Amino acid sequence: MAGASALGAAGEARSRRTAWLLFAPLAAVVGLRWVLTWLDDRASAPPAWPLRVFAGAQDPWAWLAPTAAVLLVLAAVLLLARLAWRSGARRAVLRCAAAAWLLLCLAACGAQLQRHLNQARLQPQPPVAAQVLGTHFQPPSLRSTGGTLLVLRVDGLAAPQQVLVDAPAAAGLQVGQPLRLAWARGRWQGRFVTGWQVDAAPAPAAPRG
């Protein structure tokens, strides 16, 4: 009877450790995201919208090689784990899986912090001329607040750029409209649009003679 009680207590303790291991790291990721969002909402800094290369100008097959490499590595890891499990090294497989889960959640927390700090210390740059090449309304989703997706030609950048702006004024921009972009660099990487001003259309040349 005492042995059965000890085994039951050990099983309950193991279940509690497993539950903590599964949900505590995930709760830390979600909690950190909530805290950073709350800090962003309280900040008085001007809005900053990421400026990226237009998706239509990117190589549509660029994702193929890295995706294939990730899938191959994952398949190799799963195969090794299965062989180790069948050979009786189940405890080692579980420990490796737990370590991988912790590292994944830690990497997610680090990525969120890096993104927050990168955008918290923007470095303003001189305004640049730009032109609206296209606009598209993007509805809100779980990943973004939605807004107007602007496709721009920006002086000094070879490829067209895109930026998702949630300001209502962006919905009134027209294709071909010249702009004066206010922008900044991130603390470590990236470009961010912080505002714009509509440039007056150039006056037509006076007829000669």
C-alpha atoms as a PDB file:
ATOM      1  CA  MET A   1       0.000   0.000   0.000  1.00  0.00           C
ATOM      2  CA  ALA A   2       2.778   2.407   0.883  1.00  0.00           C
ATOM      3  CA  GLY A   3       4.560   1.553  -2.359  1.00  0.00           C
ATOM      4  CA  ALA A   4       1.431   2.280  -4.378  1.00  0.00           C
ATOM      5  CA  SER A   5       0.976   5.620  -2.611  1.00  0.00           C
ATOM      6  CA  ALA A   6       4.585   6.540  -3.350  1.00  0.00           C
ATOM      7  CA  LEU A   7       4.170   5.632  -7.000  1.00  0.00           C
ATOM      8  CA  GLY A   8       0.974   7.690  -7.186  1.00  0.00           C
ATOM      9  CA  ALA A   9       2.670  10.701  -5.602  1.00  0.00           C
ATOM     10  CA  ALA A  10       5.590  10.354  -7.989  1.00  0.00           C
ATOM     11  CA  GLY A  11       3.209  10.195 -10.940  1.00  0.00           C
ATOM     12  CA  GLU A  12       1.358  13.326  -9.816  1.00  0.00           C
ATOM     13  CA  ALA A  13       4.627  15.189  -9.343  1.00  0.00           C
ATOM     14  CA  ARG A  14       5.739  14.139 -12.825  1.00  0.00           C
ATOM     15  CA  SER A  15       2.431  15.315 -14.289  1.00  0.00           C
ATOM     16  CA  ARG A  16       2.777  18.697 -12.577  1.00  0.00           C
ATOM     17  CA  ARG A  17       6.326  19.116 -13.897  1.00  0.00           C
ATOM     18  CA  THR A  18       5.170  18.220 -17.398  1.00  0.00           C
ATOM     19  CA  ALA A  19       2.312  20.721 -17.221  1.00  0.00           C
ATOM     20  CA  TRP A  20       4.641  23.462 -15.994  1.00  0.00           C
ATOM     21  CA  LEU A  21       7.135  22.655 -18.725  1.00  0.00           C
ATOM     22  CA  LEU A  22       4.485  22.784 -21.424  1.00  0.00           C
ATOM     23  CA  PHE A  23       2.550  25.868 -20.377  1.00  0.00           C
ATOM     24  CA  ALA A  24       4.886  28.093 -18.328  1.00  0.00           C
ATOM     25  CA  PRO A  25       7.253  28.952 -21.233  1.00  0.00           C
ATOM     26  CA  LEU A  26       4.285  29.589 -23.532  1.00  0.00           C
ATOM     27  CA  ALA A  27       2.685  31.801 -20.885  1.00  0.00           C
ATOM     28  CA  ALA A  28       5.937  33.762 -20.659  1.00  0.00           C
ATOM     29  CA  VAL A  29       5.886  34.386 -24.416  1.00  0.00           C
ATOM     30  CA  VAL A  30       2.260  35.536 -24.378  1.00  0.00           C
ATOM     31  CA  GLY A  31       2.758  37.613 -21.233  1.00  0.00           C
ATOM     32  CA  LEU A  32       5.807  39.369 -22.646  1.00  0.00           C
ATOM     33  CA  ARG A  33       3.901  40.185 -25.815  1.00  0.00           C
ATOM     34  CA  TRP A  34       1.069  41.689 -23.750  1.00  0.00           C
ATOM     35  CA  VAL A  35       3.487  43.781 -21.678  1.00  0.00           C
ATOM     36  CA  LEU A  36       5.311  45.109 -24.758  1.00  0.00           C
ATOM     37  CA  THR A  37       2.011  45.958 -26.450  1.00  0.00           C
ATOM     38  CA  TRP A  38       0.899  47.790 -23.303  1.00  0.00           C
ATOM     39  CA  LEU A  39       4.161  49.746 -23.227  1.00  0.00           C
ATOM     40  CA  ASP A  40       3.778  50.665 -26.908  1.00  0.00           C
ATOM     41  CA  ASP A  41       0.234  51.908 -26.278  1.00  0.00           C
ATOM     42  CA  ARG A  42       1.423  54.070 -23.378  1.00  0.00           C
ATOM     43  CA  ALA A  43       4.386  55.537 -25.255  1.00  0.00           C
ATOM     44  CA  SER A  44       4.034  59.029 -26.691  1.00  0.00           C
ATOM     45  CA  ALA A  45       6.367  58.321 -29.595  1.00  0.00           C
ATOM     46  CA  PRO A  46       5.066  59.077 -33.117  1.00  0.00           C
ATOM     47  CA  PRO A  47       3.765  56.150 -35.167  1.00  0.00           C
ATOM     48  CA  ALA A  48       6.338  54.149 -37.112  1.00  0.00           C
ATOM     49  CA  TRP A  49       5.292  51.806 -39.912  1.00  0.00           C
ATOM     50  CA  PRO A  50       7.847  49.281 -41.237  1.00  0.00           C
ATOM     51  CA  LEU A  51       8.983  49.967 -44.801  1.00  0.00           C
ATOM     52  CA  ARG A  52       9.811  46.774 -46.691  1.00  0.00           C
ATOM     53  CA  VAL A  53      10.533  45.669 -50.246  1.00  0.00           C
ATOM     54  CA  PHE A  54       7.303  45.217 -52.178  1.00  0.00           C
ATOM     55  CA  ALA A  55       6.292  41.553 -52.149  1.00  0.00           C
ATOM     56  CA  GLY A  56       5.635  41.631 -55.894  1.00  0.00           C
ATOM     57  CA  ALA A  57       9.247  42.665 -56.555  1.00  0.00           C
ATOM     58  CA  GLN A  58      10.746  39.761 -54.585  1.00  0.00           C
ATOM     59  CA  ASP A  59      11.845  36.439 -56.007  1.00  0.00           C
ATOM     60  CA  PRO A  60       8.823  34.104 -55.565  1.00  0.00           C
ATOM     61  CA  TRP A  61      11.166  31.116 -55.178  1.00  0.00           C
ATOM     62  CA  ALA A  62      13.460  32.693 -52.587  1.00  0.00           C
ATOM     63  CA  TRP A  63      11.611  30.906 -49.766  1.00  0.00           C
ATOM     64  CA  LEU A  64      12.082  27.460 -51.333  1.00  0.00           C
ATOM     65  CA  ALA A  65      15.711  26.778 -50.334  1.00  0.00           C
ATOM     66  CA  PRO A  66      15.481  27.831 -46.647  1.00  0.00           C
ATOM     67  CA  THR A  67      12.140  26.047 -46.238  1.00  0.00           C
ATOM     68  CA  ALA A  68      13.540  22.847 -47.732  1.00  0.00           C
ATOM     69  CA  ALA A  69      16.589  23.058 -45.453  1.00  0.00           C
ATOM     70  CA  VAL A  70      14.401  23.474 -42.362  1.00  0.00           C
ATOM     71  CA  LEU A  71      12.205  20.527 -43.375  1.00  0.00           C
ATOM     72  CA  LEU A  72      15.241  18.306 -43.985  1.00  0.00           C
ATOM     73  CA  VAL A  73      16.738  19.173 -40.598  1.00  0.00           C
ATOM     74  CA  LEU A  74      13.391  18.573 -38.874  1.00  0.00           C
ATOM     75  CA  ALA A  75      12.983  15.202 -40.621  1.00  0.00           C
ATOM     76  CA  ALA A  76      16.495  14.166 -39.588  1.00  0.00           C
ATOM     77  CA  VAL A  77      15.859  15.163 -35.963  1.00  0.00           C
ATOM     78  CA  LEU A  78      12.567  13.259 -35.867  1.00  0.00           C
ATOM     79  CA  LEU A  79      14.232  10.177 -37.372  1.00  0.00           C
ATOM     80  CA  LEU A  80      17.032  10.255 -34.805  1.00  0.00           C
ATOM     81  CA  ALA A  81      14.517  10.748 -31.990  1.00  0.00           C
ATOM     82  CA  ARG A  82      12.481   7.769 -33.189  1.00  0.00           C
ATOM     83  CA  LEU A  83      15.562   5.545 -33.394  1.00  0.00           C
ATOM     84  CA  ALA A  84      16.673   6.636 -29.917  1.00  0.00           C
ATOM     85  CA  TRP A  85      13.165   6.020 -28.543  1.00  0.00           C
ATOM     86  CA  ARG A  86      13.066   2.509 -29.965  1.00  0.00           C
ATOM     87  CA  SER A  87      16.546   1.769 -28.597  1.00  0.00           C
ATOM     88  CA  GLY A  88      15.335   2.503 -25.071  1.00  0.00           C
ATOM     89  CA  ALA A  89      16.787   6.003 -24.582  1.00  0.00           C
ATOM     90  CA  ARG A  90      13.359   7.470 -23.904  1.00  0.00           C
ATOM     91  CA  ARG A  91      14.489   9.628 -21.005  1.00  0.00           C
ATOM     92  CA  ALA A  92      17.172  11.256 -23.177  1.00  0.00           C
ATOM     93  CA  VAL A  93      14.643  11.905 -25.955  1.00  0.00           C
ATOM     94  CA  LEU A  94      12.227  13.560 -23.528  1.00  0.00           C
ATOM     95  CA  ARG A  95      14.996  15.712 -22.056  1.00  0.00           C
ATOM     96  CA  CYS A  96      16.090  16.844 -25.511  1.00  0.00           C
ATOM     97  CA  ALA A  97      12.486  17.640 -26.470  1.00  0.00           C
ATOM     98  CA  ALA A  98      12.049  19.665 -23.266  1.00  0.00           C
ATOM     99  CA  ALA A  99      15.283  21.570 -23.904  1.00  0.00           C
ATOM    100  CA  ALA A 100      14.232  22.290 -27.494  1.00  0.00           C
ATOM    101  CA  TRP A 101      10.855  23.599 -26.304  1.00  0.00           C
ATOM    102  CA  LEU A 102      12.491  25.885 -23.756  1.00  0.00           C
ATOM    103  CA  LEU A 103      14.974  27.193 -26.330  1.00  0.00           C
ATOM    104  CA  LEU A 104      12.152  27.839 -28.813  1.00  0.00           C
ATOM    105  CA  CYS A 105      10.167  29.858 -26.270  1.00  0.00           C
ATOM    106  CA  LEU A 106      13.306  31.715 -25.193  1.00  0.00           C
ATOM    107  CA  ALA A 107      14.046  32.582 -28.823  1.00  0.00           C
ATOM    108  CA  ALA A 108      10.478  33.880 -29.245  1.00  0.00           C
ATOM    109  CA  CYS A 109      10.888  36.114 -26.182  1.00  0.00           C
ATOM    110  CA  GLY A 110      14.231  37.364 -27.475  1.00  0.00           C
ATOM    111  CA  ALA A 111      12.764  38.164 -30.885  1.00  0.00           C
ATOM    112  CA  GLN A 112       9.953  40.177 -29.288  1.00  0.00           C
ATOM    113  CA  LEU A 113      12.393  42.144 -27.135  1.00  0.00           C
ATOM    114  CA  GLN A 114      14.699  42.798 -30.082  1.00  0.00           C
ATOM    115  CA  ARG A 115      11.787  44.081 -32.177  1.00  0.00           C
ATOM    116  CA  HIS A 116      10.561  46.335 -29.370  1.00  0.00           C
ATOM    117  CA  LEU A 117      13.977  47.834 -28.613  1.00  0.00           C
ATOM    118  CA  ASN A 118      14.812  48.227 -32.299  1.00  0.00           C
ATOM    119  CA  GLN A 119      11.731  50.363 -32.833  1.00  0.00           C
ATOM    120  CA  ALA A 120      11.987  52.187 -29.487  1.00  0.00           C
ATOM    121  CA  ARG A 121      15.252  53.904 -30.497  1.00  0.00           C
ATOM    122  CA  LEU A 122      14.533  55.175 -34.003  1.00  0.00           C
ATOM    123  CA  GLN A 123      17.126  57.333 -35.750  1.00  0.00           C
ATOM    124  CA  PRO A 124      15.364  60.052 -37.805  1.00  0.00           C
ATOM    125  CA  GLN A 125      16.665  60.604 -41.338  1.00  0.00           C
ATOM    126  CA  PRO A 126      16.238  63.463 -43.822  1.00  0.00           C
ATOM    127  CA  PRO A 127      12.901  63.303 -45.706  1.00  0.00           C
ATOM    128  CA  VAL A 128      12.909  61.638 -49.130  1.00  0.00           C
ATOM    129  CA  ALA A 129      10.752  62.020 -52.197  1.00  0.00           C
ATOM    130  CA  ALA A 130       8.390  59.173 -53.052  1.00  0.00           C
ATOM    131  CA  GLN A 131       5.524  58.391 -55.379  1.00  0.00           C
ATOM    132  CA  VAL A 132       2.429  56.256 -54.785  1.00  0.00           C
ATOM    133  CA  LEU A 133       2.393  53.281 -57.155  1.00  0.00           C
ATOM    134  CA  GLY A 134      -0.622  51.544 -55.670  1.00  0.00           C
ATOM    135  CA  THR A 135      -2.963  51.344 -52.681  1.00  0.00           C
ATOM    136  CA  HIS A 136      -4.918  48.460 -51.225  1.00  0.00           C
ATOM    137  CA  PHE A 137      -7.179  48.235 -48.177  1.00  0.00           C
ATOM    138  CA  GLN A 138      -6.152  45.425 -45.836  1.00  0.00           C
ATOM    139  CA  PRO A 139      -8.745  44.378 -43.233  1.00  0.00           C
ATOM    140  CA  PRO A 140      -7.726  43.734 -39.616  1.00  0.00           C
ATOM    141  CA  SER A 141      -6.563  40.241 -38.708  1.00  0.00           C
ATOM    142  CA  LEU A 142      -5.032  38.372 -35.799  1.00  0.00           C
ATOM    143  CA  ARG A 143      -1.563  39.459 -36.970  1.00  0.00           C
ATOM    144  CA  SER A 144      -2.175  43.146 -37.723  1.00  0.00           C
ATOM    145  CA  THR A 145      -4.571  46.008 -37.165  1.00  0.00           C
ATOM    146  CA  GLY A 146      -5.110  46.389 -40.901  1.00  0.00           C
ATOM    147  CA  GLY A 147      -5.098  49.671 -42.775  1.00  0.00           C
ATOM    148  CA  THR A 148      -3.971  50.903 -46.184  1.00  0.00           C
ATOM    149  CA  LEU A 149      -1.154  49.053 -47.913  1.00  0.00           C
ATOM    150  CA  LEU A 150       0.844  51.584 -49.913  1.00  0.00           C
ATOM    151  CA  VAL A 151       3.226  50.607 -52.693  1.00  0.00           C
ATOM    152  CA  LEU A 152       5.805  53.354 -53.160  1.00  0.00           C
ATOM    153  CA  ARG A 153       8.694  54.300 -55.369  1.00  0.00           C
ATOM    154  CA  VAL A 154      11.238  55.867 -52.999  1.00  0.00           C
ATOM    155  CA  ASP A 155      14.217  57.900 -54.123  1.00  0.00           C
ATOM    156  CA  GLY A 156      17.466  56.077 -53.416  1.00  0.00           C
ATOM    157  CA  LEU A 157      15.882  52.611 -53.312  1.00  0.00           C
ATOM    158  CA  ALA A 158      15.961  50.513 -56.457  1.00  0.00           C
ATOM    159  CA  ALA A 159      13.017  48.208 -55.713  1.00  0.00           C
ATOM    160  CA  PRO A 160       9.457  49.383 -54.998  1.00  0.00           C
ATOM    161  CA  GLN A 161       8.613  49.483 -51.299  1.00  0.00           C
ATOM    162  CA  GLN A 162       5.467  48.702 -49.335  1.00  0.00           C
ATOM    163  CA  VAL A 163       4.189  49.972 -46.011  1.00  0.00           C
ATOM    164  CA  LEU A 164       0.979  49.141 -44.115  1.00  0.00           C
ATOM    165  CA  VAL A 165      -0.399  52.359 -42.609  1.00  0.00           C
ATOM    166  CA  ASP A 166      -3.289  52.342 -40.132  1.00  0.00           C
ATOM    167  CA  ALA A 167      -3.772  56.133 -40.276  1.00  0.00           C
ATOM    168  CA  PRO A 168      -7.124  57.123 -41.889  1.00  0.00           C
ATOM    169  CA  ALA A 169      -5.408  59.792 -44.010  1.00  0.00           C
ATOM    170  CA  ALA A 170      -3.577  57.099 -45.980  1.00  0.00           C
ATOM    171  CA  ALA A 171      -6.862  55.913 -47.504  1.00  0.00           C
ATOM    172  CA  GLY A 172      -7.125  59.211 -49.419  1.00  0.00           C
ATOM    173  CA  LEU A 173      -3.812  58.861 -51.250  1.00  0.00           C
ATOM    174  CA  GLN A 174      -4.065  58.360 -54.997  1.00  0.00           C
ATOM    175  CA  VAL A 175      -1.925  56.438 -57.454  1.00  0.00           C
ATOM    176  CA  GLY A 176       0.747  58.685 -58.967  1.00  0.00           C
ATOM    177  CA  GLN A 177       0.633  61.158 -56.093  1.00  0.00           C
ATOM    178  CA  PRO A 178       4.070  62.541 -55.111  1.00  0.00           C
ATOM    179  CA  LEU A 179       4.951  62.439 -51.432  1.00  0.00           C
ATOM    180  CA  ARG A 180       7.625  63.693 -49.074  1.00  0.00           C
ATOM    181  CA  LEU A 181       8.294  60.798 -46.709  1.00  0.00           C
ATOM    182  CA  ALA A 182       9.446  61.286 -43.138  1.00  0.00           C
ATOM    183  CA  TRP A 183      11.324  58.165 -42.127  1.00  0.00           C
ATOM    184  CA  ALA A 184      13.801  56.746 -39.648  1.00  0.00           C
ATOM    185  CA  ARG A 185      16.152  53.809 -39.237  1.00  0.00           C
ATOM    186  CA  GLY A 186      15.722  51.254 -36.491  1.00  0.00           C
ATOM    187  CA  ARG A 187      18.243  50.979 -33.703  1.00  0.00           C
ATOM    188  CA  TRP A 188      19.812  47.952 -35.380  1.00  0.00           C
ATOM    189  CA  GLN A 189      17.973  47.365 -38.642  1.00  0.00           C
ATOM    190  CA  GLY A 190      15.019  48.286 -40.804  1.00  0.00           C
ATOM    191  CA  ARG A 191      13.388  51.435 -42.149  1.00  0.00           C
ATOM    192  CA  PHE A 192      10.229  52.979 -40.717  1.00  0.00           C
ATOM    193  CA  VAL A 193       7.864  55.582 -42.168  1.00  0.00           C
ATOM    194  CA  THR A 194       6.923  58.117 -39.510  1.00  0.00           C
ATOM    195  CA  GLY A 195       4.805  60.444 -41.643  1.00  0.00           C
ATOM    196  CA  TRP A 196       4.338  61.988 -45.051  1.00  0.00           C
ATOM    197  CA  GLN A 197       3.371  65.164 -46.799  1.00  0.00           C
ATOM    198  CA  VAL A 198       1.695  65.366 -50.180  1.00  0.00           C
ATOM    199  CA  ASP A 199       3.885  67.283 -52.600  1.00  0.00           C
ATOM    200  CA  ALA A 200       2.259  69.693 -54.992  1.00  0.00           C
ATOM    201  CA  ALA A 201       2.154  68.428 -58.554  1.00  0.00           C
ATOM    202  CA  PRO A 202       4.830  70.045 -60.732  1.00  0.00           C
ATOM    203  CA  ALA A 203       3.542  73.007 -62.689  1.00  0.00           C
ATOM    204  CA  PRO A 204       3.289  72.436 -66.479  1.00  0.00           C
ATOM    205  CA  ALA A 205       5.999  74.027 -68.581  1.00  0.00           C
ATOM    206  CA  ALA A 206       5.024  77.325 -70.188  1.00  0.00           C
ATOM    207  CA  PRO A 207       4.598  77.136 -73.985  1.00  0.00           C
ATOM    208  CA  ARG A 208       7.440  78.627 -75.978  1.00  0.00           C
ATOM    209  CA  GLY A 209       7.075  81.291 -78.555  1.00  0.00           C
END
